[in-house]
Amino acid sequence: MTTETPRWFTSSYSSNGGQCVEVATNLAPAHGIVPVRDSKVPAGSVLELPAAAFASFVTGVKNGQFGTV
């Protein structure tokens, strides 16, 4: 990962039920990545997604392209 510090946040749409992910979008402009981690395990693994792939995922969620459980 880059030496710049990620600024983690959880979506405002999260109901804080413990099934959340955190993202650090501040790295997208300069590094082209969006780190994602499990909010319950902040010291755990981080998945680095290409910024364009993350943007496509968010668009899909907003458009209802994924089922709900």
PDB file of N, CA and C in Angstrom:
ATOM      1  N   MET A   1       0.852  -1.170   0.000  1.00  0.00           N
ATOM      2  CA  MET A   1       0.000   0.000   0.000  1.00  0.00           C
ATOM      3  C   MET A   1       0.899   1.234   0.000  1.00  0.00           C
ATOM      4  N   THR A   2       0.340   2.326  -0.374  1.00  0.00           N
ATOM      5  CA  THR A   2       1.049   3.588  -0.426  1.00  0.00           C
ATOM      6  C   THR A   2       1.416   4.090   0.968  1.00  0.00           C
ATOM      7  N   THR A   3       2.315   5.041   1.028  1.00  0.00           N
ATOM      8  CA  THR A   3       2.706   5.590   2.335  1.00  0.00           C
ATOM      9  C   THR A   3       1.708   6.627   2.830  1.00  0.00           C
ATOM     10  N   GLU A   4       0.839   7.128   1.957  1.00  0.00           N
ATOM     11  CA  GLU A   4      -0.208   8.060   2.388  1.00  0.00           C
ATOM     12  C   GLU A   4      -1.191   7.311   3.286  1.00  0.00           C
ATOM     13  N   THR A   5      -1.660   7.965   4.336  1.00  0.00           N
ATOM     14  CA  THR A   5      -2.547   7.329   5.297  1.00  0.00           C
ATOM     15  C   THR A   5      -3.989   7.314   4.796  1.00  0.00           C
ATOM     16  N   PRO A   6      -4.619   6.134   4.751  1.00  0.00           N
ATOM     17  CA  PRO A   6      -6.029   6.085   4.366  1.00  0.00           C
ATOM     18  C   PRO A   6      -6.898   6.760   5.420  1.00  0.00           C
ATOM     19  N   ARG A   7      -7.907   7.481   4.980  1.00  0.00           N
ATOM     20  CA  ARG A   7      -8.902   8.058   5.890  1.00  0.00           C
ATOM     21  C   ARG A   7     -10.157   7.196   5.768  1.00  0.00           C
ATOM     22  N   TRP A   8     -10.322   6.300   6.716  1.00  0.00           N
ATOM     23  CA  TRP A   8     -11.393   5.302   6.672  1.00  0.00           C
ATOM     24  C   TRP A   8     -12.731   5.908   7.059  1.00  0.00           C
ATOM     25  N   PHE A   9     -13.787   5.451   6.394  1.00  0.00           N
ATOM     26  CA  PHE A   9     -15.136   5.820   6.801  1.00  0.00           C
ATOM     27  C   PHE A   9     -16.106   4.701   6.446  1.00  0.00           C
ATOM     28  N   THR A  10     -17.202   4.675   7.178  1.00  0.00           N
ATOM     29  CA  THR A  10     -18.295   3.739   6.941  1.00  0.00           C
ATOM     30  C   THR A  10     -19.442   4.528   6.337  1.00  0.00           C
ATOM     31  N   SER A  11     -20.132   3.952   5.410  1.00  0.00           N
ATOM     32  CA  SER A  11     -21.228   4.629   4.734  1.00  0.00           C
ATOM     33  C   SER A  11     -22.268   5.151   5.720  1.00  0.00           C
ATOM     34  N   SER A  12     -22.818   6.304   5.408  1.00  0.00           N
ATOM     35  CA  SER A  12     -23.898   6.860   6.231  1.00  0.00           C
ATOM     36  C   SER A  12     -25.166   6.010   6.102  1.00  0.00           C
ATOM     37  N   TYR A  13     -25.233   5.147   5.100  1.00  0.00           N
ATOM     38  CA  TYR A  13     -26.380   4.262   4.916  1.00  0.00           C
ATOM     39  C   TYR A  13     -26.279   3.010   5.783  1.00  0.00           C
ATOM     40  N   SER A  14     -25.137   2.824   6.418  1.00  0.00           N
ATOM     41  CA  SER A  14     -24.942   1.671   7.282  1.00  0.00           C
ATOM     42  C   SER A  14     -25.819   1.794   8.517  1.00  0.00           C
ATOM     43  N   SER A  15     -26.455   0.706   8.884  1.00  0.00           N
ATOM     44  CA  SER A  15     -27.296   0.732  10.086  1.00  0.00           C
ATOM     45  C   SER A  15     -26.491   0.410  11.335  1.00  0.00           C
ATOM     46  N   ASN A  16     -25.176   0.298  11.188  1.00  0.00           N
ATOM     47  CA  ASN A  16     -24.279   0.008  12.302  1.00  0.00           C
ATOM     48  C   ASN A  16     -24.629  -1.318  12.966  1.00  0.00           C
ATOM     49  N   GLY A  17     -25.031  -2.288  12.146  1.00  0.00           N
ATOM     50  CA  GLY A  17     -25.390  -3.594  12.667  1.00  0.00           C
ATOM     51  C   GLY A  17     -24.235  -4.574  12.718  1.00  0.00           C
ATOM     52  N   GLY A  18     -23.011  -4.090  12.477  1.00  0.00           N
ATOM     53  CA  GLY A  18     -21.850  -4.956  12.577  1.00  0.00           C
ATOM     54  C   GLY A  18     -21.486  -5.663  11.289  1.00  0.00           C
ATOM     55  N   GLN A  19     -22.218  -5.450  10.217  1.00  0.00           N
ATOM     56  CA  GLN A  19     -21.934  -6.097   8.931  1.00  0.00           C
ATOM     57  C   GLN A  19     -21.459  -5.039   7.938  1.00  0.00           C
ATOM     58  N   CYS A  20     -20.476  -4.258   8.325  1.00  0.00           N
ATOM     59  CA  CYS A  20     -20.074  -3.104   7.540  1.00  0.00           C
ATOM     60  C   CYS A  20     -18.658  -3.250   6.994  1.00  0.00           C
ATOM     61  N   VAL A  21     -18.422  -2.500   5.949  1.00  0.00           N
ATOM     62  CA  VAL A  21     -17.067  -2.336   5.437  1.00  0.00           C
ATOM     63  C   VAL A  21     -16.721  -0.863   5.553  1.00  0.00           C
ATOM     64  N   GLU A  22     -15.430  -0.595   5.584  1.00  0.00           N
ATOM     65  CA  GLU A  22     -14.938   0.775   5.587  1.00  0.00           C
ATOM     66  C   GLU A  22     -14.144   0.971   4.310  1.00  0.00           C
ATOM     67  N   VAL A  23     -14.197   2.164   3.767  1.00  0.00           N
ATOM     68  CA  VAL A  23     -13.436   2.489   2.570  1.00  0.00           C
ATOM     69  C   VAL A  23     -12.620   3.750   2.826  1.00  0.00           C
ATOM     70  N   ALA A  24     -11.579   3.916   2.033  1.00  0.00           N
ATOM     71  CA  ALA A  24     -10.727   5.106   2.131  1.00  0.00           C
ATOM     72  C   ALA A  24     -10.597   5.702   0.734  1.00  0.00           C
ATOM     73  N   THR A  25     -11.564   6.518   0.366  1.00  0.00           N
ATOM     74  CA  THR A  25     -11.588   7.080  -0.980  1.00  0.00           C
ATOM     75  C   THR A  25     -10.558   8.183  -1.198  1.00  0.00           C
ATOM     76  N   ASN A  26      -9.914   8.644  -0.143  1.00  0.00           N
ATOM     77  CA  ASN A  26      -8.929   9.715  -0.300  1.00  0.00           C
ATOM     78  C   ASN A  26      -7.718   9.293  -1.126  1.00  0.00           C
ATOM     79  N   LEU A  27      -7.497   8.007  -1.304  1.00  0.00           N
ATOM     80  CA  LEU A  27      -6.349   7.543  -2.086  1.00  0.00           C
ATOM     81  C   LEU A  27      -6.649   7.429  -3.579  1.00  0.00           C
ATOM     82  N   ALA A  28      -7.904   7.530  -3.957  1.00  0.00           N
ATOM     83  CA  ALA A  28      -8.283   7.349  -5.360  1.00  0.00           C
ATOM     84  C   ALA A  28      -7.671   8.393  -6.298  1.00  0.00           C
ATOM     85  N   PRO A  29      -7.747   9.680  -5.994  1.00  0.00           N
ATOM     86  CA  PRO A  29      -7.230  10.659  -6.955  1.00  0.00           C
ATOM     87  C   PRO A  29      -5.735  10.514  -7.249  1.00  0.00           C
ATOM     88  N   ALA A  30      -4.938  10.346  -6.228  1.00  0.00           N
ATOM     89  CA  ALA A  30      -3.487  10.312  -6.412  1.00  0.00           C
ATOM     90  C   ALA A  30      -2.938   8.935  -6.763  1.00  0.00           C
ATOM     91  N   HIS A  31      -3.623   7.863  -6.302  1.00  0.00           N
ATOM     92  CA  HIS A  31      -3.061   6.522  -6.446  1.00  0.00           C
ATOM     93  C   HIS A  31      -3.927   5.563  -7.259  1.00  0.00           C
ATOM     94  N   GLY A  32      -5.168   5.968  -7.550  1.00  0.00           N
ATOM     95  CA  GLY A  32      -6.048   5.136  -8.365  1.00  0.00           C
ATOM     96  C   GLY A  32      -6.562   3.892  -7.676  1.00  0.00           C
ATOM     97  N   ILE A  33      -6.546   3.882  -6.341  1.00  0.00           N
ATOM     98  CA  ILE A  33      -7.035   2.726  -5.589  1.00  0.00           C
ATOM     99  C   ILE A  33      -8.034   3.170  -4.528  1.00  0.00           C
ATOM    100  N   VAL A  34      -8.909   2.243  -4.149  1.00  0.00           N
ATOM    101  CA  VAL A  34      -9.832   2.460  -3.029  1.00  0.00           C
ATOM    102  C   VAL A  34      -9.672   1.263  -2.094  1.00  0.00           C
ATOM    103  N   PRO A  35      -8.972   1.443  -0.966  1.00  0.00           N
ATOM    104  CA  PRO A  35      -8.842   0.365   0.000  1.00  0.00           C
ATOM    105  C   PRO A  35     -10.191   0.088   0.693  1.00  0.00           C
ATOM    106  N   VAL A  36     -10.451  -1.184   0.943  1.00  0.00           N
ATOM    107  CA  VAL A  36     -11.682  -1.618   1.610  1.00  0.00           C
ATOM    108  C   VAL A  36     -11.280  -2.597   2.704  1.00  0.00           C
ATOM    109  N   ARG A  37     -11.909  -2.481   3.880  1.00  0.00           N
ATOM    110  CA  ARG A  37     -11.613  -3.406   4.976  1.00  0.00           C
ATOM    111  C   ARG A  37     -12.882  -3.691   5.769  1.00  0.00           C
ATOM    112  N   ASP A  38     -12.839  -4.748   6.555  1.00  0.00           N
ATOM    113  CA  ASP A  38     -13.935  -5.135   7.444  1.00  0.00           C
ATOM    114  C   ASP A  38     -13.912  -4.210   8.653  1.00  0.00           C
ATOM    115  N   SER A  39     -15.032  -3.555   8.925  1.00  0.00           N
ATOM    116  CA  SER A  39     -15.068  -2.605  10.047  1.00  0.00           C
ATOM    117  C   SER A  39     -14.894  -3.282  11.403  1.00  0.00           C
ATOM    118  N   LYS A  40     -15.178  -4.583  11.473  1.00  0.00           N
ATOM    119  CA  LYS A  40     -15.030  -5.302  12.739  1.00  0.00           C
ATOM    120  C   LYS A  40     -13.590  -5.694  13.017  1.00  0.00           C
ATOM    121  N   VAL A  41     -12.741  -5.688  11.970  1.00  0.00           N
ATOM    122  CA  VAL A  41     -11.345  -6.099  12.103  1.00  0.00           C
ATOM    123  C   VAL A  41     -10.451  -5.047  11.429  1.00  0.00           C
ATOM    124  N   PRO A  42     -10.358  -3.860  12.022  1.00  0.00           N
ATOM    125  CA  PRO A  42      -9.608  -2.791  11.367  1.00  0.00           C
ATOM    126  C   PRO A  42      -8.122  -3.084  11.166  1.00  0.00           C
ATOM    127  N   ALA A  43      -7.560  -3.977  11.953  1.00  0.00           N
ATOM    128  CA  ALA A  43      -6.147  -4.331  11.785  1.00  0.00           C
ATOM    129  C   ALA A  43      -5.972  -5.514  10.831  1.00  0.00           C
ATOM    130  N   GLY A  44      -7.079  -5.987  10.258  1.00  0.00           N
ATOM    131  CA  GLY A  44      -7.026  -7.143   9.370  1.00  0.00           C
ATOM    132  C   GLY A  44      -6.628  -6.775   7.950  1.00  0.00           C
ATOM    133  N   SER A  45      -6.925  -7.661   7.058  1.00  0.00           N
ATOM    134  CA  SER A  45      -6.559  -7.497   5.653  1.00  0.00           C
ATOM    135  C   SER A  45      -7.287  -6.328   5.011  1.00  0.00           C
ATOM    136  N   VAL A  46      -6.623  -5.740   4.029  1.00  0.00           N
ATOM    137  CA  VAL A  46      -7.193  -4.633   3.261  1.00  0.00           C
ATOM    138  C   VAL A  46      -7.205  -5.056   1.796  1.00  0.00           C
ATOM    139  N   LEU A  47      -8.340  -4.887   1.169  1.00  0.00           N
ATOM    140  CA  LEU A  47      -8.491  -5.177  -0.252  1.00  0.00           C
ATOM    141  C   LEU A  47      -8.359  -3.853  -1.002  1.00  0.00           C
ATOM    142  N   GLU A  48      -7.390  -3.765  -1.921  1.00  0.00           N
ATOM    143  CA  GLU A  48      -7.196  -2.545  -2.696  1.00  0.00           C
ATOM    144  C   GLU A  48      -7.850  -2.722  -4.060  1.00  0.00           C
ATOM    145  N   LEU A  49      -8.899  -1.960  -4.297  1.00  0.00           N
ATOM    146  CA  LEU A  49      -9.623  -2.044  -5.561  1.00  0.00           C
ATOM    147  C   LEU A  49      -9.217  -0.898  -6.479  1.00  0.00           C
ATOM    148  N   PRO A  50      -9.128  -1.162  -7.786  1.00  0.00           N
ATOM    149  CA  PRO A  50      -8.923  -0.040  -8.707  1.00  0.00           C
ATOM    150  C   PRO A  50     -10.096   0.932  -8.559  1.00  0.00           C
ATOM    151  N   ALA A  51      -9.817   2.222  -8.587  1.00  0.00           N
ATOM    152  CA  ALA A  51     -10.855   3.230  -8.377  1.00  0.00           C
ATOM    153  C   ALA A  51     -12.009   3.072  -9.366  1.00  0.00           C
ATOM    154  N   ALA A  52     -11.718   2.766 -10.617  1.00  0.00           N
ATOM    155  CA  ALA A  52     -12.777   2.608 -11.618  1.00  0.00           C
ATOM    156  C   ALA A  52     -13.673   1.413 -11.290  1.00  0.00           C
ATOM    157  N   ALA A  53     -13.092   0.325 -10.805  1.00  0.00           N
ATOM    158  CA  ALA A  53     -13.883  -0.854 -10.432  1.00  0.00           C
ATOM    159  C   ALA A  53     -14.773  -0.552  -9.241  1.00  0.00           C
ATOM    160  N   PHE A  54     -14.254   0.176  -8.262  1.00  0.00           N
ATOM    161  CA  PHE A  54     -15.055   0.545  -7.095  1.00  0.00           C
ATOM    162  C   PHE A  54     -16.208   1.455  -7.515  1.00  0.00           C
ATOM    163  N   ALA A  55     -15.933   2.414  -8.401  1.00  0.00           N
ATOM    164  CA  ALA A  55     -16.982   3.317  -8.886  1.00  0.00           C
ATOM    165  C   ALA A  55     -18.073   2.536  -9.612  1.00  0.00           C
ATOM    166  N   SER A  56     -17.684   1.541 -10.411  1.00  0.00           N
ATOM    167  CA  SER A  56     -18.676   0.706 -11.102  1.00  0.00           C
ATOM    168  C   SER A  56     -19.518  -0.085 -10.113  1.00  0.00           C
ATOM    169  N   PHE A  57     -18.888  -0.599  -9.073  1.00  0.00           N
ATOM    170  CA  PHE A  57     -19.618  -1.332  -8.040  1.00  0.00           C
ATOM    171  C   PHE A  57     -20.642  -0.432  -7.357  1.00  0.00           C
ATOM    172  N   VAL A  58     -20.224   0.771  -6.967  1.00  0.00           N
ATOM    173  CA  VAL A  58     -21.132   1.703  -6.294  1.00  0.00           C
ATOM    174  C   VAL A  58     -22.303   2.057  -7.213  1.00  0.00           C
ATOM    175  N   THR A  59     -22.019   2.275  -8.475  1.00  0.00           N
ATOM    176  CA  THR A  59     -23.090   2.567  -9.432  1.00  0.00           C
ATOM    177  C   THR A  59     -24.069   1.398  -9.513  1.00  0.00           C
ATOM    178  N   GLY A  60     -23.556   0.180  -9.552  1.00  0.00           N
ATOM    179  CA  GLY A  60     -24.410  -1.006  -9.578  1.00  0.00           C
ATOM    180  C   GLY A  60     -25.291  -1.115  -8.354  1.00  0.00           C
ATOM    181  N   VAL A  61     -24.735  -0.818  -7.198  1.00  0.00           N
ATOM    182  CA  VAL A  61     -25.517  -0.848  -5.956  1.00  0.00           C
ATOM    183  C   VAL A  61     -26.635   0.186  -6.021  1.00  0.00           C
ATOM    184  N   LYS A  62     -26.290   1.396  -6.432  1.00  0.00           N
ATOM    185  CA  LYS A  62     -27.288   2.467  -6.507  1.00  0.00           C
ATOM    186  C   LYS A  62     -28.392   2.144  -7.503  1.00  0.00           C
ATOM    187  N   ASN A  63     -28.053   1.412  -8.563  1.00  0.00           N
ATOM    188  CA  ASN A  63     -29.037   1.055  -9.588  1.00  0.00           C
ATOM    189  C   ASN A  63     -29.791  -0.220  -9.280  1.00  0.00           C
ATOM    190  N   GLY A  64     -29.523  -0.833  -8.121  1.00  0.00           N
ATOM    191  CA  GLY A  64     -30.231  -2.042  -7.719  1.00  0.00           C
ATOM    192  C   GLY A  64     -29.863  -3.274  -8.517  1.00  0.00           C
ATOM    193  N   GLN A  65     -28.649  -3.338  -9.021  1.00  0.00           N
ATOM    194  CA  GLN A  65     -28.221  -4.470  -9.838  1.00  0.00           C
ATOM    195  C   GLN A  65     -27.844  -5.704  -9.038  1.00  0.00           C
ATOM    196  N   PHE A  66     -27.836  -5.592  -7.723  1.00  0.00           N
ATOM    197  CA  PHE A  66     -27.476  -6.717  -6.878  1.00  0.00           C
ATOM    198  C   PHE A  66     -28.669  -7.087  -6.012  1.00  0.00           C
ATOM    199  N   GLY A  67     -28.882  -8.351  -5.776  1.00  0.00           N
ATOM    200  CA  GLY A  67     -29.984  -8.787  -4.938  1.00  0.00           C
ATOM    201  C   GLY A  67     -29.768  -8.433  -3.487  1.00  0.00           C
ATOM    202  N   THR A  68     -30.824  -8.532  -2.724  1.00  0.00           N
ATOM    203  CA  THR A  68     -30.723  -8.301  -1.283  1.00  0.00           C
ATOM    204  C   THR A  68     -30.987  -9.607  -0.550  1.00  0.00           C
ATOM    205  N   VAL A  69     -30.483  -9.684   0.659  1.00  0.00           N
ATOM    206  CA  VAL A  69     -30.688 -10.873   1.481  1.00  0.00           C
ATOM    207  C   VAL A  69     -31.592 -10.577   2.633  1.00  0.00           C
TER     208      VAL A  69
END
